[in-house]
Amino acid sequence: MDLWALRQGPFDDGFTCCQDEYLRNGESMLHERVDLVLTRLPSGGELMPIQSEVTGDRDNEKSVSGLWPSDHACIVATLKFKRK
């Protein structure tokens, strides 16, 4: 189960790939979502996704010298599992 698609739905693409290999591109070049948060429900459990966000995709996350933190952004998710 892809948690980004479950939590965000069609409202946000959640692109995580790919910046220039030298990380010097001025504008973000992220154009596809290849980095995922995957989970499997525990037996008899119910998943309650709380929050998910992409990090490393905003200008204010660049280094002082203007480099992107990585060629990929990442997805951070907060989950809660509840037994039925």
PDB file of N, CA and C in Angstrom:
ATOM      1  N   MET A   1       0.847  -1.174   0.000  1.00  0.00           N
ATOM      2  CA  MET A   1       0.000   0.000   0.000  1.00  0.00           C
ATOM      3  C   MET A   1       0.894   1.240   0.000  1.00  0.00           C
ATOM      4  N   ASP A   2       0.680   2.149  -0.930  1.00  0.00           N
ATOM      5  CA  ASP A   2       1.447   3.397  -1.048  1.00  0.00           C
ATOM      6  C   ASP A   2       0.796   4.464  -0.179  1.00  0.00           C
ATOM      7  N   LEU A   3       1.474   4.855   0.885  1.00  0.00           N
ATOM      8  CA  LEU A   3       0.878   5.785   1.850  1.00  0.00           C
ATOM      9  C   LEU A   3       0.658   7.180   1.292  1.00  0.00           C
ATOM     10  N   TRP A   4       1.525   7.636   0.387  1.00  0.00           N
ATOM     11  CA  TRP A   4       1.332   8.973  -0.180  1.00  0.00           C
ATOM     12  C   TRP A   4       0.010   9.029  -0.935  1.00  0.00           C
ATOM     13  N   ALA A   5      -0.226   8.064  -1.778  1.00  0.00           N
ATOM     14  CA  ALA A   5      -1.462   8.036  -2.565  1.00  0.00           C
ATOM     15  C   ALA A   5      -2.680   7.919  -1.650  1.00  0.00           C
ATOM     16  N   LEU A   6      -2.543   7.152  -0.579  1.00  0.00           N
ATOM     17  CA  LEU A   6      -3.651   6.986   0.361  1.00  0.00           C
ATOM     18  C   LEU A   6      -3.948   8.286   1.096  1.00  0.00           C
ATOM     19  N   ARG A   7      -2.919   8.985   1.540  1.00  0.00           N
ATOM     20  CA  ARG A   7      -3.098  10.197   2.357  1.00  0.00           C
ATOM     21  C   ARG A   7      -3.381  11.436   1.504  1.00  0.00           C
ATOM     22  N   GLN A   8      -2.603  11.631   0.449  1.00  0.00           N
ATOM     23  CA  GLN A   8      -2.705  12.853  -0.335  1.00  0.00           C
ATOM     24  C   GLN A   8      -3.707  12.739  -1.483  1.00  0.00           C
ATOM     25  N   GLY A   9      -3.917  11.535  -1.967  1.00  0.00           N
ATOM     26  CA  GLY A   9      -4.837  11.361  -3.094  1.00  0.00           C
ATOM     27  C   GLY A   9      -4.362  12.143  -4.302  1.00  0.00           C
ATOM     28  N   PRO A  10      -5.280  12.659  -5.106  1.00  0.00           N
ATOM     29  CA  PRO A  10      -4.900  13.377  -6.321  1.00  0.00           C
ATOM     30  C   PRO A  10      -4.530  14.841  -6.077  1.00  0.00           C
ATOM     31  N   PHE A  11      -4.464  15.282  -4.815  1.00  0.00           N
ATOM     32  CA  PHE A  11      -4.275  16.694  -4.511  1.00  0.00           C
ATOM     33  C   PHE A  11      -2.833  17.159  -4.638  1.00  0.00           C
ATOM     34  N   ASP A  12      -1.874  16.244  -4.523  1.00  0.00           N
ATOM     35  CA  ASP A  12      -0.464  16.603  -4.565  1.00  0.00           C
ATOM     36  C   ASP A  12       0.291  15.445  -5.202  1.00  0.00           C
ATOM     37  N   ASP A  13       1.075  15.733  -6.235  1.00  0.00           N
ATOM     38  CA  ASP A  13       1.799  14.683  -6.947  1.00  0.00           C
ATOM     39  C   ASP A  13       2.868  14.016  -6.090  1.00  0.00           C
ATOM     40  N   GLY A  14       3.465  14.753  -5.171  1.00  0.00           N
ATOM     41  CA  GLY A  14       4.504  14.178  -4.314  1.00  0.00           C
ATOM     42  C   GLY A  14       5.760  13.781  -5.065  1.00  0.00           C
ATOM     43  N   PHE A  15       6.139  14.560  -6.066  1.00  0.00           N
ATOM     44  CA  PHE A  15       7.306  14.221  -6.872  1.00  0.00           C
ATOM     45  C   PHE A  15       8.575  14.189  -6.025  1.00  0.00           C
ATOM     46  N   THR A  16       9.421  13.185  -6.259  1.00  0.00           N
ATOM     47  CA  THR A  16      10.654  13.016  -5.493  1.00  0.00           C
ATOM     48  C   THR A  16      11.894  12.839  -6.373  1.00  0.00           C
ATOM     49  N   CYS A  17      11.755  12.812  -7.668  1.00  0.00           N
ATOM     50  CA  CYS A  17      12.889  12.548  -8.555  1.00  0.00           C
ATOM     51  C   CYS A  17      12.865  13.512  -9.728  1.00  0.00           C
ATOM     52  N   CYS A  18      13.820  13.967 -10.236  1.00  0.00           N
ATOM     53  CA  CYS A  18      15.235  13.930  -9.924  1.00  0.00           C
ATOM     54  C   CYS A  18      15.813  15.318 -10.199  1.00  0.00           C
ATOM     55  N   GLN A  19      16.626  15.778  -9.286  1.00  0.00           N
ATOM     56  CA  GLN A  19      17.358  17.024  -9.496  1.00  0.00           C
ATOM     57  C   GLN A  19      18.564  16.733 -10.400  1.00  0.00           C
ATOM     58  N   ASP A  20      19.192  17.775 -10.891  1.00  0.00           N
ATOM     59  CA  ASP A  20      20.419  17.653 -11.674  1.00  0.00           C
ATOM     60  C   ASP A  20      21.456  16.862 -10.874  1.00  0.00           C
ATOM     61  N   GLU A  21      22.251  16.038 -11.535  1.00  0.00           N
ATOM     62  CA  GLU A  21      23.207  15.194 -10.812  1.00  0.00           C
ATOM     63  C   GLU A  21      24.210  15.997  -9.987  1.00  0.00           C
ATOM     64  N   TYR A  22      24.469  17.250 -10.356  1.00  0.00           N
ATOM     65  CA  TYR A  22      25.384  18.087  -9.583  1.00  0.00           C
ATOM     66  C   TYR A  22      24.644  18.985  -8.590  1.00  0.00           C
ATOM     67  N   LEU A  23      23.341  18.884  -8.566  1.00  0.00           N
ATOM     68  CA  LEU A  23      22.476  19.575  -7.588  1.00  0.00           C
ATOM     69  C   LEU A  23      22.482  21.085  -7.731  1.00  0.00           C
ATOM     70  N   ARG A  24      22.871  21.604  -8.880  1.00  0.00           N
ATOM     71  CA  ARG A  24      23.011  23.049  -9.076  1.00  0.00           C
ATOM     72  C   ARG A  24      21.844  23.698  -9.804  1.00  0.00           C
ATOM     73  N   ASN A  25      20.834  22.930 -10.198  1.00  0.00           N
ATOM     74  CA  ASN A  25      19.710  23.533 -10.921  1.00  0.00           C
ATOM     75  C   ASN A  25      18.997  24.552 -10.037  1.00  0.00           C
ATOM     76  N   GLY A  26      18.670  25.707 -10.603  1.00  0.00           N
ATOM     77  CA  GLY A  26      18.021  26.776  -9.840  1.00  0.00           C
ATOM     78  C   GLY A  26      16.605  26.414  -9.424  1.00  0.00           C
ATOM     79  N   GLU A  27      15.795  26.011 -10.374  1.00  0.00           N
ATOM     80  CA  GLU A  27      14.419  25.585 -10.098  1.00  0.00           C
ATOM     81  C   GLU A  27      14.400  24.068  -9.899  1.00  0.00           C
ATOM     82  N   SER A  28      13.490  23.603  -9.075  1.00  0.00           N
ATOM     83  CA  SER A  28      13.369  22.162  -8.869  1.00  0.00           C
ATOM     84  C   SER A  28      13.027  21.470 -10.182  1.00  0.00           C
ATOM     85  N   MET A  29      13.657  20.333 -10.419  1.00  0.00           N
ATOM     86  CA  MET A  29      13.400  19.540 -11.608  1.00  0.00           C
ATOM     87  C   MET A  29      12.648  18.249 -11.275  1.00  0.00           C
ATOM     88  N   LEU A  30      12.134  18.148 -10.045  1.00  0.00           N
ATOM     89  CA  LEU A  30      11.405  16.937  -9.646  1.00  0.00           C
ATOM     90  C   LEU A  30      10.186  16.772 -10.544  1.00  0.00           C
ATOM     91  N   HIS A  31      10.051  15.599 -11.141  1.00  0.00           N
ATOM     92  CA  HIS A  31       8.975  15.405 -12.110  1.00  0.00           C
ATOM     93  C   HIS A  31       8.298  14.039 -12.027  1.00  0.00           C
ATOM     94  N   GLU A  32       8.747  13.188 -11.128  1.00  0.00           N
ATOM     95  CA  GLU A  32       8.084  11.902 -10.944  1.00  0.00           C
ATOM     96  C   GLU A  32       8.262  11.434  -9.512  1.00  0.00           C
ATOM     97  N   ARG A  33       7.390  10.568  -9.090  1.00  0.00           N
ATOM     98  CA  ARG A  33       7.426  10.061  -7.715  1.00  0.00           C
ATOM     99  C   ARG A  33       7.927   8.623  -7.749  1.00  0.00           C
ATOM    100  N   VAL A  34       9.190   8.440  -7.336  1.00  0.00           N
ATOM    101  CA  VAL A  34       9.776   7.107  -7.321  1.00  0.00           C
ATOM    102  C   VAL A  34      10.122   6.649  -5.901  1.00  0.00           C
ATOM    103  N   ASP A  35      10.152   7.566  -4.962  1.00  0.00           N
ATOM    104  CA  ASP A  35      10.457   7.225  -3.576  1.00  0.00           C
ATOM    105  C   ASP A  35       9.141   7.063  -2.833  1.00  0.00           C
ATOM    106  N   LEU A  36       8.973   5.930  -2.185  1.00  0.00           N
ATOM    107  CA  LEU A  36       7.687   5.576  -1.591  1.00  0.00           C
ATOM    108  C   LEU A  36       7.843   5.216  -0.124  1.00  0.00           C
ATOM    109  N   VAL A  37       6.752   5.333   0.614  1.00  0.00           N
ATOM    110  CA  VAL A  37       6.635   4.768   1.952  1.00  0.00           C
ATOM    111  C   VAL A  37       5.615   3.657   1.812  1.00  0.00           C
ATOM    112  N   LEU A  38       6.066   2.437   2.049  1.00  0.00           N
ATOM    113  CA  LEU A  38       5.189   1.280   1.905  1.00  0.00           C
ATOM    114  C   LEU A  38       4.976   0.644   3.264  1.00  0.00           C
ATOM    115  N   THR A  39       3.804   0.079   3.464  1.00  0.00           N
ATOM    116  CA  THR A  39       3.529  -0.605   4.725  1.00  0.00           C
ATOM    117  C   THR A  39       2.581  -1.770   4.471  1.00  0.00           C
ATOM    118  N   ARG A  40       2.561  -2.646   5.418  1.00  0.00           N
ATOM    119  CA  ARG A  40       1.632  -3.762   5.393  1.00  0.00           C
ATOM    120  C   ARG A  40       0.891  -3.738   6.725  1.00  0.00           C
ATOM    121  N   LEU A  41      -0.390  -3.915   6.682  1.00  0.00           N
ATOM    122  CA  LEU A  41      -1.184  -3.879   7.908  1.00  0.00           C
ATOM    123  C   LEU A  41      -0.890  -5.088   8.782  1.00  0.00           C
ATOM    124  N   PRO A  42      -0.798  -4.868  10.084  1.00  0.00           N
ATOM    125  CA  PRO A  42      -0.700  -6.032  10.964  1.00  0.00           C
ATOM    126  C   PRO A  42      -2.018  -6.806  10.902  1.00  0.00           C
ATOM    127  N   SER A  43      -1.957  -8.075  11.199  1.00  0.00           N
ATOM    128  CA  SER A  43      -3.153  -8.911  11.159  1.00  0.00           C
ATOM    129  C   SER A  43      -4.255  -8.302  12.025  1.00  0.00           C
ATOM    130  N   GLY A  44      -5.406  -8.084  11.434  1.00  0.00           N
ATOM    131  CA  GLY A  44      -6.535  -7.523  12.158  1.00  0.00           C
ATOM    132  C   GLY A  44      -6.398  -6.040  12.452  1.00  0.00           C
ATOM    133  N   GLY A  45      -5.475  -5.364  11.787  1.00  0.00           N
ATOM    134  CA  GLY A  45      -5.238  -3.954  12.068  1.00  0.00           C
ATOM    135  C   GLY A  45      -5.899  -3.030  11.071  1.00  0.00           C
ATOM    136  N   GLU A  46      -5.974  -1.771  11.456  1.00  0.00           N
ATOM    137  CA  GLU A  46      -6.507  -0.715  10.600  1.00  0.00           C
ATOM    138  C   GLU A  46      -5.463   0.398  10.549  1.00  0.00           C
ATOM    139  N   LEU A  47      -5.154   0.863   9.348  1.00  0.00           N
ATOM    140  CA  LEU A  47      -4.175   1.923   9.169  1.00  0.00           C
ATOM    141  C   LEU A  47      -4.861   3.276   9.221  1.00  0.00           C
ATOM    142  N   MET A  48      -4.290   4.189  10.000  1.00  0.00           N
ATOM    143  CA  MET A  48      -4.793   5.551  10.068  1.00  0.00           C
ATOM    144  C   MET A  48      -3.642   6.487   9.748  1.00  0.00           C
ATOM    145  N   PRO A  49      -3.418   6.818   8.442  1.00  0.00           N
ATOM    146  CA  PRO A  49      -2.320   7.727   8.098  1.00  0.00           C
ATOM    147  C   PRO A  49      -2.602   9.115   8.654  1.00  0.00           C
ATOM    148  N   ILE A  50      -1.671   9.651   9.390  1.00  0.00           N
ATOM    149  CA  ILE A  50      -1.852  10.926  10.061  1.00  0.00           C
ATOM    150  C   ILE A  50      -1.377  12.078   9.179  1.00  0.00           C
ATOM    151  N   GLN A  51      -0.165  11.941   8.636  1.00  0.00           N
ATOM    152  CA  GLN A  51       0.437  13.043   7.885  1.00  0.00           C
ATOM    153  C   GLN A  51       1.479  12.481   6.939  1.00  0.00           C
ATOM    154  N   SER A  52       1.655  13.144   5.806  1.00  0.00           N
ATOM    155  CA  SER A  52       2.765  12.815   4.911  1.00  0.00           C
ATOM    156  C   SER A  52       3.193  14.096   4.214  1.00  0.00           C
ATOM    157  N   GLU A  53       4.501  14.202   3.980  1.00  0.00           N
ATOM    158  CA  GLU A  53       5.018  15.390   3.308  1.00  0.00           C
ATOM    159  C   GLU A  53       6.297  15.047   2.566  1.00  0.00           C
ATOM    160  N   VAL A  54       6.590  15.822   1.542  1.00  0.00           N
ATOM    161  CA  VAL A  54       7.840  15.705   0.804  1.00  0.00           C
ATOM    162  C   VAL A  54       8.815  16.711   1.397  1.00  0.00           C
ATOM    163  N   THR A  55      10.051  16.300   1.630  1.00  0.00           N
ATOM    164  CA  THR A  55      11.084  17.218   2.105  1.00  0.00           C
ATOM    165  C   THR A  55      12.244  17.231   1.109  1.00  0.00           C
ATOM    166  N   GLY A  56      12.975  18.317   1.095  1.00  0.00           N
ATOM    167  CA  GLY A  56      14.105  18.464   0.194  1.00  0.00           C
ATOM    168  C   GLY A  56      13.712  18.952  -1.185  1.00  0.00           C
ATOM    169  N   ASP A  57      12.517  19.538  -1.296  1.00  0.00           N
ATOM    170  CA  ASP A  57      12.022  19.990  -2.606  1.00  0.00           C
ATOM    171  C   ASP A  57      11.779  21.499  -2.671  1.00  0.00           C
ATOM    172  N   ARG A  58      12.116  22.211  -1.598  1.00  0.00           N
ATOM    173  CA  ARG A  58      11.858  23.652  -1.557  1.00  0.00           C
ATOM    174  C   ARG A  58      13.172  24.437  -1.560  1.00  0.00           C
ATOM    175  N   ASP A  59      13.114  25.621  -2.140  1.00  0.00           N
ATOM    176  CA  ASP A  59      14.304  26.477  -2.223  1.00  0.00           C
ATOM    177  C   ASP A  59      14.941  26.729  -0.857  1.00  0.00           C
ATOM    178  N   ASN A  60      14.130  26.893   0.178  1.00  0.00           N
ATOM    179  CA  ASN A  60      14.682  27.199   1.503  1.00  0.00           C
ATOM    180  C   ASN A  60      15.386  25.994   2.137  1.00  0.00           C
ATOM    181  N   GLU A  61      15.364  24.835   1.481  1.00  0.00           N
ATOM    182  CA  GLU A  61      16.066  23.657   1.985  1.00  0.00           C
ATOM    183  C   GLU A  61      17.422  23.450   1.300  1.00  0.00           C
ATOM    184  N   LYS A  62      17.767  24.358   0.389  1.00  0.00           N
ATOM    185  CA  LYS A  62      19.072  24.276  -0.279  1.00  0.00           C
ATOM    186  C   LYS A  62      20.179  24.671   0.693  1.00  0.00           C
ATOM    187  N   SER A  63      21.401  24.246   0.372  1.00  0.00           N
ATOM    188  CA  SER A  63      22.560  24.619   1.182  1.00  0.00           C
ATOM    189  C   SER A  63      22.853  26.114   0.995  1.00  0.00           C
ATOM    190  N   VAL A  64      23.724  26.638   1.813  1.00  0.00           N
ATOM    191  CA  VAL A  64      24.119  28.048   1.728  1.00  0.00           C
ATOM    192  C   VAL A  64      24.675  28.364   0.342  1.00  0.00           C
ATOM    193  N   SER A  65      25.359  27.398  -0.266  1.00  0.00           N
ATOM    194  CA  SER A  65      25.939  27.612  -1.593  1.00  0.00           C
ATOM    195  C   SER A  65      24.938  27.367  -2.724  1.00  0.00           C
ATOM    196  N   GLY A  66      23.679  27.053  -2.377  1.00  0.00           N
ATOM    197  CA  GLY A  66      22.629  26.915  -3.379  1.00  0.00           C
ATOM    198  C   GLY A  66      22.412  25.527  -3.936  1.00  0.00           C
ATOM    199  N   LEU A  67      23.002  24.501  -3.308  1.00  0.00           N
ATOM    200  CA  LEU A  67      22.823  23.129  -3.777  1.00  0.00           C
ATOM    201  C   LEU A  67      21.584  22.497  -3.152  1.00  0.00           C
ATOM    202  N   TRP A  68      20.904  21.666  -3.924  1.00  0.00           N
ATOM    203  CA  TRP A  68      19.799  20.876  -3.381  1.00  0.00           C
ATOM    204  C   TRP A  68      20.377  19.855  -2.405  1.00  0.00           C
ATOM    205  N   PRO A  69      19.628  19.435  -1.391  1.00  0.00           N
ATOM    206  CA  PRO A  69      20.162  18.482  -0.418  1.00  0.00           C
ATOM    207  C   PRO A  69      20.483  17.117  -1.029  1.00  0.00           C
ATOM    208  N   SER A  70      19.809  16.750  -2.110  1.00  0.00           N
ATOM    209  CA  SER A  70      20.014  15.455  -2.760  1.00  0.00           C
ATOM    210  C   SER A  70      19.393  15.513  -4.143  1.00  0.00           C
ATOM    211  N   ASP A  71      19.704  14.528  -4.964  1.00  0.00           N
ATOM    212  CA  ASP A  71      19.056  14.478  -6.277  1.00  0.00           C
ATOM    213  C   ASP A  71      17.629  13.965  -6.171  1.00  0.00           C
ATOM    214  N   HIS A  72      17.279  13.380  -5.025  1.00  0.00           N
ATOM    215  CA  HIS A  72      15.907  12.951  -4.747  1.00  0.00           C
ATOM    216  C   HIS A  72      15.399  13.700  -3.519  1.00  0.00           C
ATOM    217  N   ALA A  73      14.124  14.020  -3.526  1.00  0.00           N
ATOM    218  CA  ALA A  73      13.478  14.490  -2.306  1.00  0.00           C
ATOM    219  C   ALA A  73      13.081  13.239  -1.523  1.00  0.00           C
ATOM    220  N   CYS A  74      12.515  13.403  -0.357  1.00  0.00           N
ATOM    221  CA  CYS A  74      12.069  12.213   0.383  1.00  0.00           C
ATOM    222  C   CYS A  74      10.667  12.436   0.923  1.00  0.00           C
ATOM    223  N   ILE A  75      10.028  11.349   1.250  1.00  0.00           N
ATOM    224  CA  ILE A  75       8.687  11.398   1.824  1.00  0.00           C
ATOM    225  C   ILE A  75       8.786  10.987   3.284  1.00  0.00           C
ATOM    226  N   VAL A  76       8.189  11.795   4.143  1.00  0.00           N
ATOM    227  CA  VAL A  76       8.114  11.504   5.566  1.00  0.00           C
ATOM    228  C   VAL A  76       6.649  11.265   5.890  1.00  0.00           C
ATOM    229  N   ALA A  77       6.368  10.179   6.590  1.00  0.00           N
ATOM    230  CA  ALA A  77       4.974   9.847   6.917  1.00  0.00           C
ATOM    231  C   ALA A  77       4.845   9.503   8.392  1.00  0.00           C
ATOM    232  N   THR A  78       3.748   9.930   8.972  1.00  0.00           N
ATOM    233  CA  THR A  78       3.401   9.577  10.345  1.00  0.00           C
ATOM    234  C   THR A  78       2.195   8.649  10.273  1.00  0.00           C
ATOM    235  N   LEU A  79       2.322   7.488  10.895  1.00  0.00           N
ATOM    236  CA  LEU A  79       1.283   6.469  10.809  1.00  0.00           C
ATOM    237  C   LEU A  79       0.796   6.081  12.195  1.00  0.00           C
ATOM    238  N   LYS A  80      -0.397   5.565  12.215  1.00  0.00           N
ATOM    239  CA  LYS A  80      -0.948   4.993  13.448  1.00  0.00           C
ATOM    240  C   LYS A  80      -1.671   3.727  13.044  1.00  0.00           C
ATOM    241  N   PHE A  81      -1.445   2.668  13.775  1.00  0.00           N
ATOM    242  CA  PHE A  81      -2.142   1.413  13.531  1.00  0.00           C
ATOM    243  C   PHE A  81      -3.092   1.161  14.686  1.00  0.00           C
ATOM    244  N   LYS A  82      -4.268   0.712  14.351  1.00  0.00           N
ATOM    245  CA  LYS A  82      -5.284   0.447  15.374  1.00  0.00           C
ATOM    246  C   LYS A  82      -5.793  -0.970  15.168  1.00  0.00           C
ATOM    247  N   ARG A  83      -5.898  -1.698  16.247  1.00  0.00           N
ATOM    248  CA  ARG A  83      -6.460  -3.041  16.156  1.00  0.00           C
ATOM    249  C   ARG A  83      -7.973  -2.944  16.052  1.00  0.00           C
ATOM    250  N   LYS A  84      -8.527  -3.768  15.191  1.00  0.00           N
ATOM    251  CA  LYS A  84      -9.999  -3.777  15.020  1.00  0.00           C
ATOM    252  C   LYS A  84     -10.653  -4.547  16.143  1.00  0.00           C
TER     253      LYS A  84
END
